[in-house]
Amino acid sequence: GLLAENVCQATCADILTSALMEVDAWCMGEHISGLQLVGHTHDELIVEAPDDQLICVKDKVEAIMRAGPEWAADLPLDVESWIGGYYRK
């Protein structure tokens, strides 16, 4: 059981890291003032964006995270996200 758990957690970490790098590259390439990936937790990405871009940024980050890395193309991934003025758990 412990081996399976470790393999699962490592795979999840790799998927999150892939999304983290993709979202960061997208944020840096967009040239939207105030748009930046500011952090992450064990299963979340935290992005700051201007108020007038929130829905667009939310949709793009969700799309990147749902796509997953190439090596996991057939893995069904889903995302929950929210918009708020401060971080909450």
PDB file of N, CA and C in Angstrom:
ATOM      1  N   GLY A   1       0.801  -1.192   0.000  1.00  0.00           N
ATOM      2  CA  GLY A   1       0.000   0.000   0.000  1.00  0.00           C
ATOM      3  C   GLY A   1       0.848   1.262   0.000  1.00  0.00           C
ATOM      4  N   LEU A   2       1.909   1.275   0.794  1.00  0.00           N
ATOM      5  CA  LEU A   2       2.753   2.462   0.888  1.00  0.00           C
ATOM      6  C   LEU A   2       3.448   2.740  -0.444  1.00  0.00           C
ATOM      7  N   LEU A   3       3.887   1.701  -1.126  1.00  0.00           N
ATOM      8  CA  LEU A   3       4.535   1.876  -2.432  1.00  0.00           C
ATOM      9  C   LEU A   3       3.563   2.486  -3.435  1.00  0.00           C
ATOM     10  N   ALA A   4       2.338   1.984  -3.469  1.00  0.00           N
ATOM     11  CA  ALA A   4       1.330   2.527  -4.390  1.00  0.00           C
ATOM     12  C   ALA A   4       1.027   3.985  -4.059  1.00  0.00           C
ATOM     13  N   GLU A   5       0.943   4.289  -2.775  1.00  0.00           N
ATOM     14  CA  GLU A   5       0.687   5.665  -2.366  1.00  0.00           C
ATOM     15  C   GLU A   5       1.825   6.585  -2.810  1.00  0.00           C
ATOM     16  N   ASN A   6       3.062   6.159  -2.629  1.00  0.00           N
ATOM     17  CA  ASN A   6       4.208   6.980  -3.032  1.00  0.00           C
ATOM     18  C   ASN A   6       4.246   7.200  -4.537  1.00  0.00           C
ATOM     19  N   VAL A   7       3.945   6.165  -5.301  1.00  0.00           N
ATOM     20  CA  VAL A   7       3.922   6.291  -6.760  1.00  0.00           C
ATOM     21  C   VAL A   7       2.823   7.265  -7.177  1.00  0.00           C
ATOM     22  N   CYS A   8       1.664   7.153  -6.568  1.00  0.00           N
ATOM     23  CA  CYS A   8       0.544   8.045  -6.876  1.00  0.00           C
ATOM     24  C   CYS A   8       0.894   9.499  -6.546  1.00  0.00           C
ATOM     25  N   GLN A   9       1.440   9.729  -5.375  1.00  0.00           N
ATOM     26  CA  GLN A   9       1.796  11.084  -4.960  1.00  0.00           C
ATOM     27  C   GLN A   9       2.895  11.682  -5.846  1.00  0.00           C
ATOM     28  N   ALA A  10       3.855  10.863  -6.229  1.00  0.00           N
ATOM     29  CA  ALA A  10       4.927  11.339  -7.112  1.00  0.00           C
ATOM     30  C   ALA A  10       4.377  11.701  -8.481  1.00  0.00           C
ATOM     31  N   THR A  11       3.448  10.899  -8.988  1.00  0.00           N
ATOM     32  CA  THR A  11       2.830  11.186 -10.283  1.00  0.00           C
ATOM     33  C   THR A  11       2.037  12.483 -10.209  1.00  0.00           C
ATOM     34  N   CYS A  12       1.280  12.669  -9.148  1.00  0.00           N
ATOM     35  CA  CYS A  12       0.520  13.908  -8.961  1.00  0.00           C
ATOM     36  C   CYS A  12       1.439  15.120  -8.865  1.00  0.00           C
ATOM     37  N   ALA A  13       2.548  14.975  -8.172  1.00  0.00           N
ATOM     38  CA  ALA A  13       3.519  16.069  -8.062  1.00  0.00           C
ATOM     39  C   ALA A  13       4.098  16.409  -9.429  1.00  0.00           C
ATOM     40  N   ASP A  14       4.382  15.407 -10.246  1.00  0.00           N
ATOM     41  CA  ASP A  14       4.904  15.652 -11.597  1.00  0.00           C
ATOM     42  C   ASP A  14       3.877  16.378 -12.462  1.00  0.00           C
ATOM     43  N   ILE A  15       2.612  16.007 -12.345  1.00  0.00           N
ATOM     44  CA  ILE A  15       1.545  16.668 -13.116  1.00  0.00           C
ATOM     45  C   ILE A  15       1.400  18.118 -12.677  1.00  0.00           C
ATOM     46  N   LEU A  16       1.421  18.367 -11.376  1.00  0.00           N
ATOM     47  CA  LEU A  16       1.324  19.738 -10.875  1.00  0.00           C
ATOM     48  C   LEU A  16       2.532  20.564 -11.300  1.00  0.00           C
ATOM     49  N   THR A  17       3.716  19.989 -11.248  1.00  0.00           N
ATOM     50  CA  THR A  17       4.927  20.702 -11.665  1.00  0.00           C
ATOM     51  C   THR A  17       4.858  21.072 -13.131  1.00  0.00           C
ATOM     52  N   SER A  18       4.354  20.176 -13.945  1.00  0.00           N
ATOM     53  CA  SER A  18       4.189  20.465 -15.370  1.00  0.00           C
ATOM     54  C   SER A  18       3.235  21.641 -15.567  1.00  0.00           C
ATOM     55  N   ALA A  19       2.110  21.634 -14.869  1.00  0.00           N
ATOM     56  CA  ALA A  19       1.147  22.733 -14.958  1.00  0.00           C
ATOM     57  C   ALA A  19       1.763  24.028 -14.452  1.00  0.00           C
ATOM     58  N   LEU A  20       2.517  23.944 -13.375  1.00  0.00           N
ATOM     59  CA  LEU A  20       3.183  25.110 -12.801  1.00  0.00           C
ATOM     60  C   LEU A  20       4.103  25.767 -13.827  1.00  0.00           C
ATOM     61  N   MET A  21       4.884  24.978 -14.517  1.00  0.00           N
ATOM     62  CA  MET A  21       5.811  25.517 -15.522  1.00  0.00           C
ATOM     63  C   MET A  21       5.059  26.092 -16.717  1.00  0.00           C
ATOM     64  N   GLU A  22       3.988  25.428 -17.145  1.00  0.00           N
ATOM     65  CA  GLU A  22       3.192  25.925 -18.273  1.00  0.00           C
ATOM     66  C   GLU A  22       2.498  27.244 -17.929  1.00  0.00           C
ATOM     67  N   VAL A  23       1.895  27.315 -16.756  1.00  0.00           N
ATOM     68  CA  VAL A  23       1.204  28.538 -16.349  1.00  0.00           C
ATOM     69  C   VAL A  23       2.202  29.678 -16.180  1.00  0.00           C
ATOM     70  N   ASP A  24       3.351  29.407 -15.589  1.00  0.00           N
ATOM     71  CA  ASP A  24       4.368  30.439 -15.423  1.00  0.00           C
ATOM     72  C   ASP A  24       4.841  30.966 -16.776  1.00  0.00           C
ATOM     73  N   ALA A  25       5.090  30.077 -17.713  1.00  0.00           N
ATOM     74  CA  ALA A  25       5.519  30.498 -19.058  1.00  0.00           C
ATOM     75  C   ALA A  25       4.425  31.324 -19.728  1.00  0.00           C
ATOM     76  N   TRP A  26       3.180  30.900 -19.579  1.00  0.00           N
ATOM     77  CA  TRP A  26       2.073  31.657 -20.170  1.00  0.00           C
ATOM     78  C   TRP A  26       1.965  33.042 -19.542  1.00  0.00           C
ATOM     79  N   CYS A  27       2.047  33.124 -18.213  1.00  0.00           N
ATOM     80  CA  CYS A  27       1.970  34.417 -17.525  1.00  0.00           C
ATOM     81  C   CYS A  27       3.075  35.359 -17.989  1.00  0.00           C
ATOM     82  N   MET A  28       4.276  34.831 -18.134  1.00  0.00           N
ATOM     83  CA  MET A  28       5.404  35.668 -18.547  1.00  0.00           C
ATOM     84  C   MET A  28       5.270  36.118 -19.999  1.00  0.00           C
ATOM     85  N   GLY A  29       4.620  35.328 -20.820  1.00  0.00           N
ATOM     86  CA  GLY A  29       4.478  35.655 -22.238  1.00  0.00           C
ATOM     87  C   GLY A  29       3.299  36.543 -22.563  1.00  0.00           C
ATOM     88  N   GLU A  30       2.376  36.704 -21.655  1.00  0.00           N
ATOM     89  CA  GLU A  30       1.159  37.465 -21.931  1.00  0.00           C
ATOM     90  C   GLU A  30       1.360  38.972 -21.881  1.00  0.00           C
ATOM     91  N   HIS A  31       2.309  39.444 -21.140  1.00  0.00           N
ATOM     92  CA  HIS A  31       2.583  40.883 -21.000  1.00  0.00           C
ATOM     93  C   HIS A  31       1.362  41.658 -20.505  1.00  0.00           C
ATOM     94  N   ILE A  32       0.615  41.050 -19.604  1.00  0.00           N
ATOM     95  CA  ILE A  32      -0.494  41.735 -18.939  1.00  0.00           C
ATOM     96  C   ILE A  32       0.046  42.257 -17.621  1.00  0.00           C
ATOM     97  N   SER A  33      -0.037  43.552 -17.423  1.00  0.00           N
ATOM     98  CA  SER A  33       0.476  44.155 -16.198  1.00  0.00           C
ATOM     99  C   SER A  33      -0.242  43.569 -14.993  1.00  0.00           C
ATOM    100  N   GLY A  34       0.516  43.073 -14.026  1.00  0.00           N
ATOM    101  CA  GLY A  34      -0.052  42.516 -12.816  1.00  0.00           C
ATOM    102  C   GLY A  34      -0.341  41.026 -12.874  1.00  0.00           C
ATOM    103  N   LEU A  35      -0.101  40.398 -14.017  1.00  0.00           N
ATOM    104  CA  LEU A  35      -0.346  38.958 -14.144  1.00  0.00           C
ATOM    105  C   LEU A  35       0.913  38.198 -13.756  1.00  0.00           C
ATOM    106  N   GLN A  36       0.786  37.366 -12.725  1.00  0.00           N
ATOM    107  CA  GLN A  36       1.941  36.553 -12.347  1.00  0.00           C
ATOM    108  C   GLN A  36       1.520  35.369 -11.498  1.00  0.00           C
ATOM    109  N   LEU A  37       2.246  34.300 -11.661  1.00  0.00           N
ATOM    110  CA  LEU A  37       2.097  33.129 -10.808  1.00  0.00           C
ATOM    111  C   LEU A  37       2.853  33.451  -9.531  1.00  0.00           C
ATOM    112  N   VAL A  38       2.140  33.501  -8.409  1.00  0.00           N
ATOM    113  CA  VAL A  38       2.773  33.950  -7.169  1.00  0.00           C
ATOM    114  C   VAL A  38       3.068  32.827  -6.192  1.00  0.00           C
ATOM    115  N   GLY A  39       2.526  31.646  -6.431  1.00  0.00           N
ATOM    116  CA  GLY A  39       2.809  30.564  -5.510  1.00  0.00           C
ATOM    117  C   GLY A  39       2.037  29.311  -5.834  1.00  0.00           C
ATOM    118  N   HIS A  40       2.270  28.315  -5.002  1.00  0.00           N
ATOM    119  CA  HIS A  40       1.537  27.057  -5.122  1.00  0.00           C
ATOM    120  C   HIS A  40       1.570  26.350  -3.775  1.00  0.00           C
ATOM    121  N   THR A  41       0.591  25.515  -3.574  1.00  0.00           N
ATOM    122  CA  THR A  41       0.568  24.649  -2.407  1.00  0.00           C
ATOM    123  C   THR A  41       0.658  23.224  -2.918  1.00  0.00           C
ATOM    124  N   HIS A  42       0.392  22.270  -2.095  1.00  0.00           N
ATOM    125  CA  HIS A  42       0.567  20.883  -2.518  1.00  0.00           C
ATOM    126  C   HIS A  42      -0.316  20.497  -3.704  1.00  0.00           C
ATOM    127  N   ASP A  43      -1.438  21.182  -3.935  1.00  0.00           N
ATOM    128  CA  ASP A  43      -2.295  20.828  -5.061  1.00  0.00           C
ATOM    129  C   ASP A  43      -2.956  22.038  -5.708  1.00  0.00           C
ATOM    130  N   GLU A  44      -2.405  23.219  -5.521  1.00  0.00           N
ATOM    131  CA  GLU A  44      -3.008  24.444  -6.039  1.00  0.00           C
ATOM    132  C   GLU A  44      -1.960  25.370  -6.641  1.00  0.00           C
ATOM    133  N   LEU A  45      -2.402  26.139  -7.632  1.00  0.00           N
ATOM    134  CA  LEU A  45      -1.594  27.225  -8.177  1.00  0.00           C
ATOM    135  C   LEU A  45      -2.262  28.535  -7.766  1.00  0.00           C
ATOM    136  N   ILE A  46      -1.465  29.541  -7.472  1.00  0.00           N
ATOM    137  CA  ILE A  46      -1.980  30.841  -7.059  1.00  0.00           C
ATOM    138  C   ILE A  46      -1.490  31.872  -8.066  1.00  0.00           C
ATOM    139  N   VAL A  47      -2.454  32.513  -8.754  1.00  0.00           N
ATOM    140  CA  VAL A  47      -2.133  33.470  -9.808  1.00  0.00           C
ATOM    141  C   VAL A  47      -2.773  34.805  -9.458  1.00  0.00           C
ATOM    142  N   GLU A  48      -1.994  35.882  -9.581  1.00  0.00           N
ATOM    143  CA  GLU A  48      -2.535  37.234  -9.437  1.00  0.00           C
ATOM    144  C   GLU A  48      -2.807  37.772 -10.829  1.00  0.00           C
ATOM    145  N   ALA A  49      -3.929  38.473 -10.972  1.00  0.00           N
ATOM    146  CA  ALA A  49      -4.294  39.038 -12.271  1.00  0.00           C
ATOM    147  C   ALA A  49      -5.079  40.328 -12.050  1.00  0.00           C
ATOM    148  N   PRO A  50      -5.055  41.217 -13.038  1.00  0.00           N
ATOM    149  CA  PRO A  50      -5.853  42.440 -12.933  1.00  0.00           C
ATOM    150  C   PRO A  50      -7.349  42.105 -12.927  1.00  0.00           C
ATOM    151  N   ASP A  51      -8.128  42.945 -12.259  1.00  0.00           N
ATOM    152  CA  ASP A  51      -9.563  42.692 -12.128  1.00  0.00           C
ATOM    153  C   ASP A  51     -10.262  42.501 -13.465  1.00  0.00           C
ATOM    154  N   ASP A  52      -9.867  43.249 -14.476  1.00  0.00           N
ATOM    155  CA  ASP A  52     -10.546  43.154 -15.769  1.00  0.00           C
ATOM    156  C   ASP A  52     -10.133  41.922 -16.584  1.00  0.00           C
ATOM    157  N   GLN A  53      -9.197  41.132 -16.090  1.00  0.00           N
ATOM    158  CA  GLN A  53      -8.722  39.939 -16.788  1.00  0.00           C
ATOM    159  C   GLN A  53      -9.009  38.637 -16.028  1.00  0.00           C
ATOM    160  N   LEU A  54      -9.705  38.722 -14.895  1.00  0.00           N
ATOM    161  CA  LEU A  54      -9.850  37.569 -14.007  1.00  0.00           C
ATOM    162  C   LEU A  54     -10.483  36.355 -14.682  1.00  0.00           C
ATOM    163  N   ILE A  55     -11.581  36.528 -15.375  1.00  0.00           N
ATOM    164  CA  ILE A  55     -12.275  35.390 -15.993  1.00  0.00           C
ATOM    165  C   ILE A  55     -11.417  34.777 -17.093  1.00  0.00           C
ATOM    166  N   CYS A  56     -10.812  35.603 -17.916  1.00  0.00           N
ATOM    167  CA  CYS A  56      -9.947  35.118 -18.997  1.00  0.00           C
ATOM    168  C   CYS A  56      -8.767  34.321 -18.430  1.00  0.00           C
ATOM    169  N   VAL A  57      -8.128  34.860 -17.411  1.00  0.00           N
ATOM    170  CA  VAL A  57      -6.977  34.193 -16.789  1.00  0.00           C
ATOM    171  C   VAL A  57      -7.425  32.891 -16.129  1.00  0.00           C
ATOM    172  N   LYS A  58      -8.533  32.921 -15.418  1.00  0.00           N
ATOM    173  CA  LYS A  58      -9.059  31.710 -14.767  1.00  0.00           C
ATOM    174  C   LYS A  58      -9.309  30.612 -15.801  1.00  0.00           C
ATOM    175  N   ASP A  59      -9.951  30.973 -16.914  1.00  0.00           N
ATOM    176  CA  ASP A  59     -10.245  29.989 -17.959  1.00  0.00           C
ATOM    177  C   ASP A  59      -8.972  29.408 -18.564  1.00  0.00           C
ATOM    178  N   LYS A  60      -7.971  30.244 -18.795  1.00  0.00           N
ATOM    179  CA  LYS A  60      -6.720  29.775 -19.395  1.00  0.00           C
ATOM    180  C   LYS A  60      -5.952  28.857 -18.443  1.00  0.00           C
ATOM    181  N   VAL A  61      -5.875  29.229 -17.181  1.00  0.00           N
ATOM    182  CA  VAL A  61      -5.175  28.397 -16.190  1.00  0.00           C
ATOM    183  C   VAL A  61      -5.878  27.049 -16.061  1.00  0.00           C
ATOM    184  N   GLU A  62      -7.210  27.059 -16.021  1.00  0.00           N
ATOM    185  CA  GLU A  62      -7.953  25.800 -15.965  1.00  0.00           C
ATOM    186  C   GLU A  62      -7.652  24.926 -17.181  1.00  0.00           C
ATOM    187  N   ALA A  63      -7.617  25.519 -18.366  1.00  0.00           N
ATOM    188  CA  ALA A  63      -7.340  24.761 -19.592  1.00  0.00           C
ATOM    189  C   ALA A  63      -5.950  24.133 -19.563  1.00  0.00           C
ATOM    190  N   ILE A  64      -4.978  24.898 -19.098  1.00  0.00           N
ATOM    191  CA  ILE A  64      -3.609  24.375 -19.003  1.00  0.00           C
ATOM    192  C   ILE A  64      -3.564  23.203 -18.027  1.00  0.00           C
ATOM    193  N   MET A  65      -4.208  23.366 -16.885  1.00  0.00           N
ATOM    194  CA  MET A  65      -4.165  22.305 -15.876  1.00  0.00           C
ATOM    195  C   MET A  65      -4.922  21.053 -16.324  1.00  0.00           C
ATOM    196  N   ARG A  66      -6.030  21.234 -17.044  1.00  0.00           N
ATOM    197  CA  ARG A  66      -6.792  20.076 -17.530  1.00  0.00           C
ATOM    198  C   ARG A  66      -6.051  19.316 -18.625  1.00  0.00           C
ATOM    199  N   ALA A  67      -5.247  20.013 -19.401  1.00  0.00           N
ATOM    200  CA  ALA A  67      -4.533  19.366 -20.512  1.00  0.00           C
ATOM    201  C   ALA A  67      -3.497  18.373 -19.993  1.00  0.00           C
ATOM    202  N   GLY A  68      -2.835  18.712 -18.916  1.00  0.00           N
ATOM    203  CA  GLY A  68      -1.821  17.817 -18.353  1.00  0.00           C
ATOM    204  C   GLY A  68      -0.614  17.676 -19.262  1.00  0.00           C
ATOM    205  N   PRO A  69       0.385  16.969 -18.798  1.00  0.00           N
ATOM    206  CA  PRO A  69       1.594  16.763 -19.601  1.00  0.00           C
ATOM    207  C   PRO A  69       1.342  15.756 -20.728  1.00  0.00           C
ATOM    208  N   GLU A  70       2.182  15.780 -21.741  1.00  0.00           N
ATOM    209  CA  GLU A  70       2.029  14.882 -22.893  1.00  0.00           C
ATOM    210  C   GLU A  70       2.020  13.422 -22.480  1.00  0.00           C
ATOM    211  N   TRP A  71       2.847  13.049 -21.519  1.00  0.00           N
ATOM    212  CA  TRP A  71       2.951  11.645 -21.130  1.00  0.00           C
ATOM    213  C   TRP A  71       1.710  11.147 -20.394  1.00  0.00           C
ATOM    214  N   ALA A  72       0.810  12.061 -20.028  1.00  0.00           N
ATOM    215  CA  ALA A  72      -0.423  11.674 -19.342  1.00  0.00           C
ATOM    216  C   ALA A  72      -1.641  12.143 -20.136  1.00  0.00           C
ATOM    217  N   ALA A  73      -1.530  12.133 -21.451  1.00  0.00           N
ATOM    218  CA  ALA A  73      -2.573  12.686 -22.314  1.00  0.00           C
ATOM    219  C   ALA A  73      -3.933  12.015 -22.115  1.00  0.00           C
ATOM    220  N   ASP A  74      -3.967  10.746 -21.804  1.00  0.00           N
ATOM    221  CA  ASP A  74      -5.237  10.033 -21.637  1.00  0.00           C
ATOM    222  C   ASP A  74      -5.760  10.045 -20.201  1.00  0.00           C
ATOM    223  N   LEU A  75      -5.039  10.682 -19.303  1.00  0.00           N
ATOM    224  CA  LEU A  75      -5.455  10.734 -17.907  1.00  0.00           C
ATOM    225  C   LEU A  75      -6.553  11.785 -17.749  1.00  0.00           C
ATOM    226  N   PRO A  76      -7.733  11.390 -17.260  1.00  0.00           N
ATOM    227  CA  PRO A  76      -8.804  12.383 -17.103  1.00  0.00           C
ATOM    228  C   PRO A  76      -8.518  13.298 -15.905  1.00  0.00           C
ATOM    229  N   LEU A  77      -8.260  14.551 -16.189  1.00  0.00           N
ATOM    230  CA  LEU A  77      -7.973  15.532 -15.144  1.00  0.00           C
ATOM    231  C   LEU A  77      -9.106  16.547 -15.084  1.00  0.00           C
ATOM    232  N   ASP A  78      -9.394  17.039 -13.902  1.00  0.00           N
ATOM    233  CA  ASP A  78     -10.369  18.108 -13.751  1.00  0.00           C
ATOM    234  C   ASP A  78      -9.809  19.139 -12.781  1.00  0.00           C
ATOM    235  N   VAL A  79     -10.394  20.306 -12.792  1.00  0.00           N
ATOM    236  CA  VAL A  79      -9.879  21.433 -12.025  1.00  0.00           C
ATOM    237  C   VAL A  79     -11.035  22.138 -11.332  1.00  0.00           C
ATOM    238  N   GLU A  80     -10.828  22.535 -10.108  1.00  0.00           N
ATOM    239  CA  GLU A  80     -11.729  23.456  -9.417  1.00  0.00           C
ATOM    240  C   GLU A  80     -10.951  24.740  -9.196  1.00  0.00           C
ATOM    241  N   SER A  81     -11.582  25.867  -9.456  1.00  0.00           N
ATOM    242  CA  SER A  81     -10.885  27.133  -9.233  1.00  0.00           C
ATOM    243  C   SER A  81     -11.867  28.156  -8.683  1.00  0.00           C
ATOM    244  N   TRP A  82     -11.329  29.219  -8.178  1.00  0.00           N
ATOM    245  CA  TRP A  82     -12.141  30.299  -7.639  1.00  0.00           C
ATOM    246  C   TRP A  82     -11.380  31.603  -7.769  1.00  0.00           C
ATOM    247  N   ILE A  83     -12.107  32.679  -7.695  1.00  0.00           N
ATOM    248  CA  ILE A  83     -11.529  34.022  -7.760  1.00  0.00           C
ATOM    249  C   ILE A  83     -11.804  34.698  -6.422  1.00  0.00           C
ATOM    250  N   GLY A  84     -10.777  35.279  -5.838  1.00  0.00           N
ATOM    251  CA  GLY A  84     -10.949  35.950  -4.555  1.00  0.00           C
ATOM    252  C   GLY A  84      -9.905  37.025  -4.355  1.00  0.00           C
ATOM    253  N   GLY A  85     -10.136  37.856  -3.387  1.00  0.00           N
ATOM    254  CA  GLY A  85      -9.232  38.954  -3.090  1.00  0.00           C
ATOM    255  C   GLY A  85      -8.037  38.553  -2.262  1.00  0.00           C
ATOM    256  N   TYR A  86      -8.085  37.348  -1.683  1.00  0.00           N
ATOM    257  CA  TYR A  86      -6.978  36.861  -0.866  1.00  0.00           C
ATOM    258  C   TYR A  86      -6.993  35.335  -0.886  1.00  0.00           C
ATOM    259  N   TYR A  87      -5.893  34.731  -0.503  1.00  0.00           N
ATOM    260  CA  TYR A  87      -5.784  33.275  -0.514  1.00  0.00           C
ATOM    261  C   TYR A  87      -6.557  32.674   0.643  1.00  0.00           C
ATOM    262  N   ARG A  88      -7.222  31.567   0.368  1.00  0.00           N
ATOM    263  CA  ARG A  88      -7.909  30.817   1.418  1.00  0.00           C
ATOM    264  C   ARG A  88      -7.734  29.332   1.142  1.00  0.00           C
ATOM    265  N   LYS A  89      -7.898  28.532   2.102  1.00  0.00           N
ATOM    266  CA  LYS A  89      -7.803  27.082   1.925  1.00  0.00           C
ATOM    267  C   LYS A  89      -9.169  26.478   2.085  1.00  0.00           C
TER     268      LYS A  89
END
